[in-house]
Amino acid sequence: MSDKPVNLNRVRKDKARAAKKARAEENSLKFGRSKAEISLDQARTSRAAQILDAHRRAPVAKSADKGDDTSDAPSDEGERDP
């Protein structure tokens, strides 16, 4: 026999750890995505964001003279033709 006593808690935990790792690898094969699929998804998301940003409307510049209306459209406050 060996000179050292066997720690049963350590054996139990090591066995549980190995089973958990085996189950994780099995699930990654069953449900996981490959590196190529992940990078393709990231590229598509990035491209969609670029297209969306490219179609964004530019903000309208506000004039410094807010009270001065130079348009020819009739205003609601002024005279109207009957």
C-alpha atoms as a PDB file:
ATOM      1  CA  MET A   1       0.000   0.000   0.000  1.00  0.00           C
ATOM      2  CA  SER A   2       0.958   3.605  -0.298  1.00  0.00           C
ATOM      3  CA  ASP A   3       2.285   5.576   2.616  1.00  0.00           C
ATOM      4  CA  LYS A   4      -0.111   8.513   2.152  1.00  0.00           C
ATOM      5  CA  PRO A   5      -3.769   8.301   3.119  1.00  0.00           C
ATOM      6  CA  VAL A   6      -6.293   9.028   0.348  1.00  0.00           C
ATOM      7  CA  ASN A   7      -8.404  12.109   0.793  1.00  0.00           C
ATOM      8  CA  LEU A   8     -11.879  10.956  -0.253  1.00  0.00           C
ATOM      9  CA  ASN A   9     -13.216  14.511  -0.561  1.00  0.00           C
ATOM     10  CA  ARG A  10     -10.530  15.322  -3.126  1.00  0.00           C
ATOM     11  CA  VAL A  11     -11.297  12.142  -5.099  1.00  0.00           C
ATOM     12  CA  ARG A  12     -15.020  12.931  -5.085  1.00  0.00           C
ATOM     13  CA  LYS A  13     -14.448  16.530  -6.226  1.00  0.00           C
ATOM     14  CA  ASP A  14     -11.992  15.486  -8.961  1.00  0.00           C
ATOM     15  CA  LYS A  15     -14.493  12.948 -10.278  1.00  0.00           C
ATOM     16  CA  ALA A  16     -17.283  15.558 -10.296  1.00  0.00           C
ATOM     17  CA  ARG A  17     -14.977  18.080 -12.011  1.00  0.00           C
ATOM     18  CA  ALA A  18     -14.115  15.580 -14.760  1.00  0.00           C
ATOM     19  CA  ALA A  19     -17.780  14.723 -15.316  1.00  0.00           C
ATOM     20  CA  LYS A  20     -18.698  18.409 -15.518  1.00  0.00           C
ATOM     21  CA  LYS A  21     -15.927  19.082 -18.051  1.00  0.00           C
ATOM     22  CA  ALA A  22     -17.029  16.120 -20.197  1.00  0.00           C
ATOM     23  CA  ARG A  23     -20.614  17.362 -20.154  1.00  0.00           C
ATOM     24  CA  ALA A  24     -19.486  20.887 -21.098  1.00  0.00           C
ATOM     25  CA  GLU A  25     -17.518  19.592 -24.087  1.00  0.00           C
ATOM     26  CA  GLU A  26     -20.481  17.492 -25.177  1.00  0.00           C
ATOM     27  CA  ASN A  27     -22.797  20.509 -24.972  1.00  0.00           C
ATOM     28  CA  SER A  28     -20.355  22.738 -26.848  1.00  0.00           C
ATOM     29  CA  LEU A  29     -20.325  20.257 -29.717  1.00  0.00           C
ATOM     30  CA  LYS A  30     -24.092  19.920 -29.630  1.00  0.00           C
ATOM     31  CA  PHE A  31     -25.144  23.571 -29.196  1.00  0.00           C
ATOM     32  CA  GLY A  32     -22.059  25.710 -29.771  1.00  0.00           C
ATOM     33  CA  ARG A  33     -21.059  27.700 -32.830  1.00  0.00           C
ATOM     34  CA  SER A  34     -17.768  27.400 -34.632  1.00  0.00           C
ATOM     35  CA  LYS A  35     -15.255  30.230 -34.738  1.00  0.00           C
ATOM     36  CA  ALA A  36     -16.115  30.827 -38.403  1.00  0.00           C
ATOM     37  CA  GLU A  37     -19.818  31.217 -37.582  1.00  0.00           C
ATOM     38  CA  ILE A  38     -19.063  33.669 -34.782  1.00  0.00           C
ATOM     39  CA  SER A  39     -16.760  35.804 -36.951  1.00  0.00           C
ATOM     40  CA  LEU A  40     -19.287  35.777 -39.810  1.00  0.00           C
ATOM     41  CA  ASP A  41     -22.025  36.958 -37.444  1.00  0.00           C
ATOM     42  CA  GLN A  42     -19.778  39.743 -36.120  1.00  0.00           C
ATOM     43  CA  ALA A  43     -18.914  40.842 -39.677  1.00  0.00           C
ATOM     44  CA  ARG A  44     -22.594  40.951 -40.652  1.00  0.00           C
ATOM     45  CA  THR A  45     -23.474  42.972 -37.548  1.00  0.00           C
ATOM     46  CA  SER A  46     -20.628  45.403 -38.188  1.00  0.00           C
ATOM     47  CA  ARG A  47     -21.627  45.833 -41.846  1.00  0.00           C
ATOM     48  CA  ALA A  48     -25.266  46.438 -40.902  1.00  0.00           C
ATOM     49  CA  ALA A  49     -24.205  49.125 -38.416  1.00  0.00           C
ATOM     50  CA  GLN A  50     -22.049  50.817 -41.075  1.00  0.00           C
ATOM     51  CA  ILE A  51     -24.919  50.837 -43.562  1.00  0.00           C
ATOM     52  CA  LEU A  52     -27.291  52.233 -40.958  1.00  0.00           C
ATOM     53  CA  ASP A  53     -24.851  54.994 -40.007  1.00  0.00           C
ATOM     54  CA  ALA A  54     -24.278  55.844 -43.672  1.00  0.00           C
ATOM     55  CA  HIS A  55     -28.005  56.423 -44.184  1.00  0.00           C
ATOM     56  CA  ARG A  56     -28.383  58.642 -41.150  1.00  0.00           C
ATOM     57  CA  ARG A  57     -29.726  62.081 -41.954  1.00  0.00           C
ATOM     58  CA  ALA A  58     -27.512  65.051 -41.248  1.00  0.00           C
ATOM     59  CA  PRO A  59     -28.747  67.377 -38.501  1.00  0.00           C
ATOM     60  CA  VAL A  60     -30.426  70.568 -39.712  1.00  0.00           C
ATOM     61  CA  ALA A  61     -28.324  73.641 -38.992  1.00  0.00           C
ATOM     62  CA  LYS A  62     -30.222  76.222 -36.959  1.00  0.00           C
ATOM     63  CA  SER A  63     -29.833  79.831 -38.024  1.00  0.00           C
ATOM     64  CA  ALA A  64     -28.604  82.453 -35.576  1.00  0.00           C
ATOM     65  CA  ASP A  65     -31.629  84.705 -36.253  1.00  0.00           C
ATOM     66  CA  LYS A  66     -34.511  82.643 -34.949  1.00  0.00           C
ATOM     67  CA  GLY A  67     -37.019  85.513 -34.924  1.00  0.00           C
ATOM     68  CA  ASP A  68     -36.327  86.659 -38.502  1.00  0.00           C
ATOM     69  CA  ASP A  69     -38.504  84.589 -40.848  1.00  0.00           C
ATOM     70  CA  THR A  70     -37.556  85.234 -44.467  1.00  0.00           C
ATOM     71  CA  SER A  71     -39.811  82.630 -46.068  1.00  0.00           C
ATOM     72  CA  ASP A  72     -42.566  83.688 -48.478  1.00  0.00           C
ATOM     73  CA  ALA A  73     -45.159  81.412 -46.898  1.00  0.00           C
ATOM     74  CA  PRO A  74     -48.065  83.204 -45.224  1.00  0.00           C
ATOM     75  CA  SER A  75     -48.089  83.043 -41.466  1.00  0.00           C
ATOM     76  CA  ASP A  76     -51.115  82.128 -39.377  1.00  0.00           C
ATOM     77  CA  GLU A  77     -50.919  85.328 -37.334  1.00  0.00           C
ATOM     78  CA  GLY A  78     -51.101  87.867 -40.138  1.00  0.00           C
ATOM     79  CA  GLU A  79     -53.765  88.989 -42.585  1.00  0.00           C
ATOM     80  CA  ARG A  80     -55.761  86.503 -44.595  1.00  0.00           C
ATOM     81  CA  ASP A  81     -57.685  86.938 -47.787  1.00  0.00           C
ATOM     82  CA  PRO A  82     -61.428  86.494 -47.215  1.00  0.00           C
END
